[in-house]
Amino acid sequence: MKFLAILAAAAAFVAGAAVADTALPDLQGREITVVTENAYPPLQFIDKDGNAVGWEYDAVAEIAKRLNLQVKYANISWDAMIPAVSEGQFDMGMTGITIRDDRKEKVDFSDPYMRSEMLMMVRGDETRFTDAASFAANPDLLMAAQPGTTPFYVGVYDVLDGNEQNPRIKLFETFGAGLQALKAGDVDLVLSDSTAANGYVAASDGGLKIIGQPLGAEDFGFIFPKGSDLVAPINAAIAALKADGTLDALNKKWFLDYKMGE
């Protein structure tokens, strides 16, 4: 991944000062509820021991430490997340959410904490197509996607014909279900940001590979109800984590050192 090129020089994980970083706002132990899907490795997922883990959990834990926040977690499906946060059911949402103007009409976003490119992931023995154009040219080929996600829209408008009802796009409730369909041969392509795609390929022992050129870039942010007073302090904490190398260390931990189990 291009944005991980500097990780060879990254230091070990940098912990924040006890309770709250004195250079950041002290939110005095305020309790917030963060909602997630737990279905998007390595950002957040359930590990083999049943624990909720991932890049975003580590980042939020560090943010909470520096801002003196107490965090509770809730779980919800992707399609319900933005409406639920918009309605104020939760204080914040995280699940690798792409910052988009249409979503900004419903929720507020933090500053970006990660940039990732959209990649094409296929089975390791795939030879029928090598890029977006050759995939689109073969009407027998199918792709998996979650409705309403960036991979869905990129698949519709950048790979296929712009028809959101195109039967070549098979819809799945979770990213993991679509990936399993790819492995089983039920679909032939999964689009994913590079954070997940490179991790899965690295852990697949040749079962998966990435083809073609990146189909653009996307920035990830946390989401909040409109007008939330958490946005400014969270942004300050993100800036501090970028500045002191903590985010680089998290990238190294979750995208280079960690091997996701199948």
C-alpha atoms as a PDB file:
ATOM      1  CA  MET A   1       0.000   0.000   0.000  1.00  0.00           C
ATOM      2  CA  LYS A   2       1.320   3.382  -1.019  1.00  0.00           C
ATOM      3  CA  PHE A   3       0.400   5.090   2.220  1.00  0.00           C
ATOM      4  CA  LEU A   4       2.263   2.420   4.190  1.00  0.00           C
ATOM      5  CA  ALA A   5       5.572   2.984   2.433  1.00  0.00           C
ATOM      6  CA  ILE A   6       7.081   4.781   5.401  1.00  0.00           C
ATOM      7  CA  LEU A   7       6.270   2.038   7.878  1.00  0.00           C
ATOM      8  CA  ALA A   8       9.711   0.436   7.701  1.00  0.00           C
ATOM      9  CA  ALA A   9      10.905   3.256   9.899  1.00  0.00           C
ATOM     10  CA  ALA A  10       7.898   3.295  12.240  1.00  0.00           C
ATOM     11  CA  ALA A  11       8.535   2.921  15.930  1.00  0.00           C
ATOM     12  CA  ALA A  12       6.629   0.662  18.307  1.00  0.00           C
ATOM     13  CA  PHE A  13       3.139   1.709  19.370  1.00  0.00           C
ATOM     14  CA  VAL A  14       3.231   5.112  21.080  1.00  0.00           C
ATOM     15  CA  ALA A  15       1.071   5.271  24.176  1.00  0.00           C
ATOM     16  CA  GLY A  16      -0.575   8.497  25.255  1.00  0.00           C
ATOM     17  CA  ALA A  17      -0.086  10.216  28.571  1.00  0.00           C
ATOM     18  CA  ALA A  18      -2.024   8.785  31.487  1.00  0.00           C
ATOM     19  CA  VAL A  19      -5.734   9.690  31.484  1.00  0.00           C
ATOM     20  CA  ALA A  20      -5.491  12.674  29.104  1.00  0.00           C
ATOM     21  CA  ASP A  21      -2.884  14.390  27.011  1.00  0.00           C
ATOM     22  CA  THR A  22      -2.333  17.800  28.553  1.00  0.00           C
ATOM     23  CA  ALA A  23      -2.140  19.345  25.059  1.00  0.00           C
ATOM     24  CA  LEU A  24      -5.643  18.096  24.254  1.00  0.00           C
ATOM     25  CA  PRO A  25      -9.080  18.806  25.737  1.00  0.00           C
ATOM     26  CA  ASP A  26      -9.894  16.897  28.930  1.00  0.00           C
ATOM     27  CA  LEU A  27     -13.443  15.559  28.582  1.00  0.00           C
ATOM     28  CA  GLN A  28     -13.494  14.592  32.264  1.00  0.00           C
ATOM     29  CA  GLY A  29     -14.390  10.946  31.947  1.00  0.00           C
ATOM     30  CA  ARG A  30     -17.388  11.524  29.692  1.00  0.00           C
ATOM     31  CA  GLU A  31     -19.015   8.264  28.582  1.00  0.00           C
ATOM     32  CA  ILE A  32     -19.778   7.788  24.891  1.00  0.00           C
ATOM     33  CA  THR A  33     -21.194   4.897  22.880  1.00  0.00           C
ATOM     34  CA  VAL A  34     -19.412   3.963  19.666  1.00  0.00           C
ATOM     35  CA  VAL A  35     -21.239   1.727  17.204  1.00  0.00           C
ATOM     36  CA  THR A  36     -19.502  -0.566  14.726  1.00  0.00           C
ATOM     37  CA  GLU A  37     -20.169  -3.573  12.511  1.00  0.00           C
ATOM     38  CA  ASN A  38     -17.262  -5.844  13.517  1.00  0.00           C
ATOM     39  CA  ALA A  39     -17.133  -7.181   9.971  1.00  0.00           C
ATOM     40  CA  TYR A  40     -14.277  -5.334   8.289  1.00  0.00           C
ATOM     41  CA  PRO A  41     -10.824  -6.793   9.026  1.00  0.00           C
ATOM     42  CA  PRO A  42      -8.376  -5.483   9.930  1.00  0.00           C
ATOM     43  CA  LEU A  43     -10.189  -2.306  10.966  1.00  0.00           C
ATOM     44  CA  GLN A  44     -12.657  -4.064  13.274  1.00  0.00           C
ATOM     45  CA  PHE A  45     -13.696  -7.713  13.509  1.00  0.00           C
ATOM     46  CA  ILE A  46     -14.225 -10.629  15.898  1.00  0.00           C
ATOM     47  CA  ASP A  47     -11.082 -12.726  16.302  1.00  0.00           C
ATOM     48  CA  LYS A  48     -10.878 -16.497  16.738  1.00  0.00           C
ATOM     49  CA  ASP A  49     -11.245 -16.115  20.505  1.00  0.00           C
ATOM     50  CA  GLY A  50     -14.417 -14.076  20.184  1.00  0.00           C
ATOM     51  CA  ASN A  51     -12.823 -10.722  20.989  1.00  0.00           C
ATOM     52  CA  ALA A  52     -13.672  -7.512  19.143  1.00  0.00           C
ATOM     53  CA  VAL A  53     -10.318  -6.202  17.863  1.00  0.00           C
ATOM     54  CA  GLY A  54      -8.746  -4.171  15.085  1.00  0.00           C
ATOM     55  CA  TRP A  55      -7.084  -0.967  13.970  1.00  0.00           C
ATOM     56  CA  GLU A  56     -10.070   1.216  14.819  1.00  0.00           C
ATOM     57  CA  TYR A  57     -10.469  -0.283  18.308  1.00  0.00           C
ATOM     58  CA  ASP A  58      -6.837   0.495  19.055  1.00  0.00           C
ATOM     59  CA  ALA A  59      -7.113   4.004  17.631  1.00  0.00           C
ATOM     60  CA  VAL A  60     -10.265   4.806  19.603  1.00  0.00           C
ATOM     61  CA  ALA A  61      -8.720   3.422  22.784  1.00  0.00           C
ATOM     62  CA  GLU A  62      -5.768   5.763  22.321  1.00  0.00           C
ATOM     63  CA  ILE A  63      -8.051   8.711  21.531  1.00  0.00           C
ATOM     64  CA  ALA A  64     -10.140   7.963  24.622  1.00  0.00           C
ATOM     65  CA  LYS A  65      -7.036   7.820  26.803  1.00  0.00           C
ATOM     66  CA  ARG A  66      -5.787  11.163  25.571  1.00  0.00           C
ATOM     67  CA  LEU A  67      -9.165  12.906  25.810  1.00  0.00           C
ATOM     68  CA  ASN A  68     -10.226  11.248  29.079  1.00  0.00           C
ATOM     69  CA  LEU A  69     -13.261   9.510  27.570  1.00  0.00           C
ATOM     70  CA  GLN A  70     -14.995   6.317  28.669  1.00  0.00           C
ATOM     71  CA  VAL A  71     -16.080   4.261  25.659  1.00  0.00           C
ATOM     72  CA  LYS A  72     -18.842   1.676  25.375  1.00  0.00           C
ATOM     73  CA  TYR A  73     -19.401  -0.245  22.158  1.00  0.00           C
ATOM     74  CA  ALA A  74     -22.532  -1.333  20.329  1.00  0.00           C
ATOM     75  CA  ASN A  75     -22.961  -3.440  17.210  1.00  0.00           C
ATOM     76  CA  ILE A  76     -25.169  -2.744  14.202  1.00  0.00           C
ATOM     77  CA  SER A  77     -25.352  -3.687  10.524  1.00  0.00           C
ATOM     78  CA  TRP A  78     -23.747  -1.401   7.966  1.00  0.00           C
ATOM     79  CA  ASP A  79     -27.022  -0.396   6.304  1.00  0.00           C
ATOM     80  CA  ALA A  80     -28.451   0.762   9.641  1.00  0.00           C
ATOM     81  CA  MET A  81     -25.351   2.545  10.949  1.00  0.00           C
ATOM     82  CA  ILE A  82     -25.529   5.966   9.309  1.00  0.00           C
ATOM     83  CA  PRO A  83     -29.284   6.360   9.977  1.00  0.00           C
ATOM     84  CA  ALA A  84     -28.826   5.304  13.621  1.00  0.00           C
ATOM     85  CA  VAL A  85     -25.971   7.755  14.225  1.00  0.00           C
ATOM     86  CA  SER A  86     -27.852  10.465  12.354  1.00  0.00           C
ATOM     87  CA  GLU A  87     -30.822   9.972  14.694  1.00  0.00           C
ATOM     88  CA  GLY A  88     -28.573  10.286  17.751  1.00  0.00           C
ATOM     89  CA  GLN A  89     -28.889   6.668  18.887  1.00  0.00           C
ATOM     90  CA  PHE A  90     -25.083   6.540  19.205  1.00  0.00           C
ATOM     91  CA  ASP A  91     -22.397   9.140  19.808  1.00  0.00           C
ATOM     92  CA  MET A  92     -20.007   7.937  17.125  1.00  0.00           C
ATOM     93  CA  GLY A  93     -19.699   5.298  14.410  1.00  0.00           C
ATOM     94  CA  MET A  94     -16.680   3.463  12.996  1.00  0.00           C
ATOM     95  CA  THR A  95     -16.386   0.862  10.269  1.00  0.00           C
ATOM     96  CA  GLY A  96     -14.009   2.187   7.624  1.00  0.00           C
ATOM     97  CA  ILE A  97     -16.596   4.767   6.517  1.00  0.00           C
ATOM     98  CA  THR A  98     -15.665   6.692   3.398  1.00  0.00           C
ATOM     99  CA  ILE A  99     -16.046  10.458   3.721  1.00  0.00           C
ATOM    100  CA  ARG A 100     -18.589  11.467   1.059  1.00  0.00           C
ATOM    101  CA  ASP A 101     -20.630  14.594   0.450  1.00  0.00           C
ATOM    102  CA  ASP A 102     -23.950  12.741   0.348  1.00  0.00           C
ATOM    103  CA  ARG A 103     -23.234  11.205   3.749  1.00  0.00           C
ATOM    104  CA  LYS A 104     -22.268  14.612   5.154  1.00  0.00           C
ATOM    105  CA  GLU A 105     -25.897  15.619   4.670  1.00  0.00           C
ATOM    106  CA  LYS A 106     -26.853  13.068   7.342  1.00  0.00           C
ATOM    107  CA  VAL A 107     -23.876  12.924   9.724  1.00  0.00           C
ATOM    108  CA  ASP A 108     -20.769  14.878  10.639  1.00  0.00           C
ATOM    109  CA  PHE A 109     -17.371  13.343   9.869  1.00  0.00           C
ATOM    110  CA  SER A 110     -14.094  13.556  11.692  1.00  0.00           C
ATOM    111  CA  ASP A 111     -10.979  14.520   9.806  1.00  0.00           C
ATOM    112  CA  PRO A 112      -9.600  11.565   7.814  1.00  0.00           C
ATOM    113  CA  TYR A 113      -7.625   9.050   9.842  1.00  0.00           C
ATOM    114  CA  MET A 114      -6.672   6.890   6.843  1.00  0.00           C
ATOM    115  CA  ARG A 115      -6.507   7.063   3.061  1.00  0.00           C
ATOM    116  CA  SER A 116      -6.911   3.929   1.015  1.00  0.00           C
ATOM    117  CA  GLU A 117      -7.141   2.984  -2.648  1.00  0.00           C
ATOM    118  CA  MET A 118      -9.892   0.784  -4.088  1.00  0.00           C
ATOM    119  CA  LEU A 119      -8.492  -2.511  -5.390  1.00  0.00           C
ATOM    120  CA  MET A 120      -9.808  -5.507  -7.345  1.00  0.00           C
ATOM    121  CA  MET A 121      -9.498  -8.785  -5.441  1.00  0.00           C
ATOM    122  CA  VAL A 122      -9.898 -12.148  -7.210  1.00  0.00           C
ATOM    123  CA  ARG A 123      -9.053 -15.812  -6.647  1.00  0.00           C
ATOM    124  CA  GLY A 124      -5.389 -16.658  -6.964  1.00  0.00           C
ATOM    125  CA  ASP A 125      -5.912 -18.797 -10.085  1.00  0.00           C
ATOM    126  CA  GLU A 126      -8.054 -16.255 -11.953  1.00  0.00           C
ATOM    127  CA  THR A 127      -6.958 -15.852 -15.614  1.00  0.00           C
ATOM    128  CA  ARG A 128     -10.166 -14.839 -17.420  1.00  0.00           C
ATOM    129  CA  PHE A 129      -9.700 -11.112 -16.765  1.00  0.00           C
ATOM    130  CA  THR A 130      -6.888  -8.865 -15.624  1.00  0.00           C
ATOM    131  CA  ASP A 131      -8.483  -5.447 -15.093  1.00  0.00           C
ATOM    132  CA  ALA A 132     -11.791  -3.582 -14.888  1.00  0.00           C
ATOM    133  CA  ALA A 133     -12.252  -3.410 -18.662  1.00  0.00           C
ATOM    134  CA  SER A 134     -11.778  -7.129 -19.259  1.00  0.00           C
ATOM    135  CA  PHE A 135     -14.092  -7.950 -16.341  1.00  0.00           C
ATOM    136  CA  ALA A 136     -16.816  -5.701 -17.750  1.00  0.00           C
ATOM    137  CA  ALA A 137     -16.406  -7.218 -21.218  1.00  0.00           C
ATOM    138  CA  ASN A 138     -17.310 -10.730 -20.065  1.00  0.00           C
ATOM    139  CA  PRO A 139     -21.050 -10.933 -19.209  1.00  0.00           C
ATOM    140  CA  ASP A 140     -20.585 -14.241 -17.379  1.00  0.00           C
ATOM    141  CA  LEU A 141     -18.477 -12.684 -14.618  1.00  0.00           C
ATOM    142  CA  LEU A 142     -20.040 -11.597 -11.320  1.00  0.00           C
ATOM    143  CA  MET A 143     -18.946  -9.309  -8.491  1.00  0.00           C
ATOM    144  CA  ALA A 144     -19.967  -9.160  -4.834  1.00  0.00           C
ATOM    145  CA  ALA A 145     -20.798  -5.968  -2.942  1.00  0.00           C
ATOM    146  CA  GLN A 146     -22.637  -4.594   0.076  1.00  0.00           C
ATOM    147  CA  PRO A 147     -25.402  -2.221  -1.016  1.00  0.00           C
ATOM    148  CA  GLY A 148     -24.736   1.428  -0.305  1.00  0.00           C
ATOM    149  CA  THR A 149     -20.980   1.035   0.161  1.00  0.00           C
ATOM    150  CA  THR A 150     -18.145   2.630  -1.783  1.00  0.00           C
ATOM    151  CA  PRO A 151     -17.201  -0.731  -3.411  1.00  0.00           C
ATOM    152  CA  PHE A 152     -20.799  -1.037  -4.636  1.00  0.00           C
ATOM    153  CA  TYR A 153     -20.790   2.391  -6.271  1.00  0.00           C
ATOM    154  CA  VAL A 154     -17.303   1.971  -7.722  1.00  0.00           C
ATOM    155  CA  GLY A 155     -18.386  -1.385  -9.147  1.00  0.00           C
ATOM    156  CA  VAL A 156     -21.505   0.126 -10.687  1.00  0.00           C
ATOM    157  CA  TYR A 157     -20.007   3.303 -12.118  1.00  0.00           C
ATOM    158  CA  ASP A 158     -16.291   2.609 -12.605  1.00  0.00           C
ATOM    159  CA  VAL A 159     -16.352  -1.076 -13.575  1.00  0.00           C
ATOM    160  CA  LEU A 160     -19.790  -1.796 -15.055  1.00  0.00           C
ATOM    161  CA  ASP A 161     -22.392   0.280 -16.880  1.00  0.00           C
ATOM    162  CA  GLY A 162     -23.803   2.634 -14.250  1.00  0.00           C
ATOM    163  CA  ASN A 163     -26.937   0.543 -13.694  1.00  0.00           C
ATOM    164  CA  GLU A 164     -27.377   0.013  -9.953  1.00  0.00           C
ATOM    165  CA  GLN A 165     -29.739  -2.884 -10.711  1.00  0.00           C
ATOM    166  CA  ASN A 166     -27.196  -4.704 -12.871  1.00  0.00           C
ATOM    167  CA  PRO A 167     -27.679  -8.433 -12.156  1.00  0.00           C
ATOM    168  CA  ARG A 168     -23.932  -8.997 -12.375  1.00  0.00           C
ATOM    169  CA  ILE A 169     -23.604  -7.386  -8.927  1.00  0.00           C
ATOM    170  CA  LYS A 170     -24.552  -9.901  -6.252  1.00  0.00           C
ATOM    171  CA  LEU A 171     -25.479  -8.211  -2.980  1.00  0.00           C
ATOM    172  CA  PHE A 172     -24.368  -9.461   0.447  1.00  0.00           C
ATOM    173  CA  GLU A 173     -25.122  -8.132   3.907  1.00  0.00           C
ATOM    174  CA  THR A 174     -21.480  -8.158   5.002  1.00  0.00           C
ATOM    175  CA  PHE A 175     -18.095  -7.798   3.355  1.00  0.00           C
ATOM    176  CA  GLY A 176     -17.097 -11.188   4.793  1.00  0.00           C
ATOM    177  CA  ALA A 177     -20.034 -12.958   3.134  1.00  0.00           C
ATOM    178  CA  GLY A 178     -19.058 -11.527  -0.241  1.00  0.00           C
ATOM    179  CA  LEU A 179     -15.463 -12.589   0.262  1.00  0.00           C
ATOM    180  CA  GLN A 180     -16.545 -16.132   1.112  1.00  0.00           C
ATOM    181  CA  ALA A 181     -18.611 -16.178  -2.080  1.00  0.00           C
ATOM    182  CA  LEU A 182     -15.482 -15.200  -4.014  1.00  0.00           C
ATOM    183  CA  LYS A 183     -13.463 -17.996  -2.427  1.00  0.00           C
ATOM    184  CA  ALA A 184     -16.241 -20.491  -3.143  1.00  0.00           C
ATOM    185  CA  GLY A 185     -16.445 -19.483  -6.807  1.00  0.00           C
ATOM    186  CA  ASP A 186     -19.958 -18.043  -6.574  1.00  0.00           C
ATOM    187  CA  VAL A 187     -18.675 -14.620  -7.675  1.00  0.00           C
ATOM    188  CA  ASP A 188     -15.501 -13.624  -9.477  1.00  0.00           C
ATOM    189  CA  LEU A 189     -14.558 -10.213  -8.065  1.00  0.00           C
ATOM    190  CA  VAL A 190     -14.644  -8.294  -4.804  1.00  0.00           C
ATOM    191  CA  LEU A 191     -13.734  -4.620  -4.656  1.00  0.00           C
ATOM    192  CA  SER A 192     -12.170  -3.429  -1.436  1.00  0.00           C
ATOM    193  CA  ASP A 193     -10.083  -0.604  -0.128  1.00  0.00           C
ATOM    194  CA  SER A 194      -6.420  -1.497   0.116  1.00  0.00           C
ATOM    195  CA  THR A 195      -6.511  -1.797   3.908  1.00  0.00           C
ATOM    196  CA  ALA A 196      -8.633  -4.929   3.783  1.00  0.00           C
ATOM    197  CA  ALA A 197      -7.536  -6.225   0.365  1.00  0.00           C
ATOM    198  CA  ASN A 198      -3.825  -6.328   1.104  1.00  0.00           C
ATOM    199  CA  GLY A 199      -4.430  -7.947   4.475  1.00  0.00           C
ATOM    200  CA  TYR A 200      -6.610 -10.695   3.053  1.00  0.00           C
ATOM    201  CA  VAL A 201      -4.252 -11.409   0.175  1.00  0.00           C
ATOM    202  CA  ALA A 202      -1.275 -11.615   2.523  1.00  0.00           C
ATOM    203  CA  ALA A 203      -3.111 -14.121   4.698  1.00  0.00           C
ATOM    204  CA  SER A 204      -4.528 -16.247   1.864  1.00  0.00           C
ATOM    205  CA  ASP A 205      -1.451 -18.361   1.007  1.00  0.00           C
ATOM    206  CA  GLY A 206      -1.962 -17.636  -2.662  1.00  0.00           C
ATOM    207  CA  GLY A 207      -5.711 -18.159  -2.602  1.00  0.00           C
ATOM    208  CA  LEU A 208      -6.363 -14.505  -3.443  1.00  0.00           C
ATOM    209  CA  LYS A 209      -4.601 -11.845  -5.488  1.00  0.00           C
ATOM    210  CA  ILE A 210      -5.022  -8.234  -6.563  1.00  0.00           C
ATOM    211  CA  ILE A 211      -5.292  -7.371 -10.247  1.00  0.00           C
ATOM    212  CA  GLY A 212      -5.418  -4.235 -12.374  1.00  0.00           C
ATOM    213  CA  GLN A 213      -4.853  -0.658 -11.327  1.00  0.00           C
ATOM    214  CA  PRO A 214      -6.335   1.076  -8.277  1.00  0.00           C
ATOM    215  CA  LEU A 215      -9.792   2.479  -8.995  1.00  0.00           C
ATOM    216  CA  GLY A 216      -9.326   5.663  -6.993  1.00  0.00           C
ATOM    217  CA  ALA A 217      -8.730   6.656  -3.413  1.00  0.00           C
ATOM    218  CA  GLU A 218     -10.971   7.162  -0.399  1.00  0.00           C
ATOM    219  CA  ASP A 219     -10.575   8.806   2.981  1.00  0.00           C
ATOM    220  CA  PHE A 220     -11.978   7.170   6.123  1.00  0.00           C
ATOM    221  CA  GLY A 221     -13.501   9.093   9.011  1.00  0.00           C
ATOM    222  CA  PHE A 222     -15.530   8.535  12.165  1.00  0.00           C
ATOM    223  CA  ILE A 223     -19.165   9.682  12.029  1.00  0.00           C
ATOM    224  CA  PHE A 224     -21.233  11.656  14.547  1.00  0.00           C
ATOM    225  CA  PRO A 225     -24.740  13.085  14.820  1.00  0.00           C
ATOM    226  CA  LYS A 226     -24.957  16.473  13.120  1.00  0.00           C
ATOM    227  CA  GLY A 227     -23.614  19.227  15.351  1.00  0.00           C
ATOM    228  CA  SER A 228     -21.847  16.854  17.761  1.00  0.00           C
ATOM    229  CA  ASP A 229     -19.445  18.551  20.170  1.00  0.00           C
ATOM    230  CA  LEU A 230     -17.183  15.502  19.917  1.00  0.00           C
ATOM    231  CA  VAL A 231     -15.946  16.319  16.419  1.00  0.00           C
ATOM    232  CA  ALA A 232     -13.447  19.015  17.418  1.00  0.00           C
ATOM    233  CA  PRO A 233     -11.744  17.088  20.252  1.00  0.00           C
ATOM    234  CA  ILE A 234     -11.649  13.883  18.203  1.00  0.00           C
ATOM    235  CA  ASN A 235     -10.046  15.812  15.337  1.00  0.00           C
ATOM    236  CA  ALA A 236      -7.454  17.247  17.735  1.00  0.00           C
ATOM    237  CA  ALA A 237      -6.651  13.745  18.962  1.00  0.00           C
ATOM    238  CA  ILE A 238      -6.357  12.383  15.408  1.00  0.00           C
ATOM    239  CA  ALA A 239      -3.914  15.167  14.577  1.00  0.00           C
ATOM    240  CA  ALA A 240      -1.851  14.319  17.668  1.00  0.00           C
ATOM    241  CA  LEU A 241      -1.775  10.609  16.765  1.00  0.00           C
ATOM    242  CA  LYS A 242      -0.613  11.449  13.257  1.00  0.00           C
ATOM    243  CA  ALA A 243       2.054  13.837  14.508  1.00  0.00           C
ATOM    244  CA  ASP A 244       3.676  11.503  17.040  1.00  0.00           C
ATOM    245  CA  GLY A 245       3.724   8.389  14.832  1.00  0.00           C
ATOM    246  CA  THR A 246       0.962   6.470  16.613  1.00  0.00           C
ATOM    247  CA  LEU A 247      -1.115   5.991  13.464  1.00  0.00           C
ATOM    248  CA  ASP A 248       1.959   4.783  11.581  1.00  0.00           C
ATOM    249  CA  ALA A 249       2.596   2.266  14.340  1.00  0.00           C
ATOM    250  CA  LEU A 250      -1.003   1.053  14.160  1.00  0.00           C
ATOM    251  CA  ASN A 251      -0.641   0.607  10.401  1.00  0.00           C
ATOM    252  CA  LYS A 252       2.452  -1.503  10.974  1.00  0.00           C
ATOM    253  CA  LYS A 253       0.728  -3.583  13.641  1.00  0.00           C
ATOM    254  CA  TRP A 254      -2.446  -4.317  11.679  1.00  0.00           C
ATOM    255  CA  PHE A 255      -1.343  -4.267   8.030  1.00  0.00           C
ATOM    256  CA  LEU A 256       2.202  -5.619   8.153  1.00  0.00           C
ATOM    257  CA  ASP A 257       2.727  -7.598  11.351  1.00  0.00           C
ATOM    258  CA  TYR A 258      -0.729  -9.120  11.863  1.00  0.00           C
ATOM    259  CA  LYS A 259      -1.818 -12.134   9.839  1.00  0.00           C
ATOM    260  CA  MET A 260      -5.542 -12.587   9.746  1.00  0.00           C
ATOM    261  CA  GLY A 261      -6.672 -16.164  10.391  1.00  0.00           C
ATOM    262  CA  GLU A 262      -9.025 -17.820   7.931  1.00  0.00           C
END
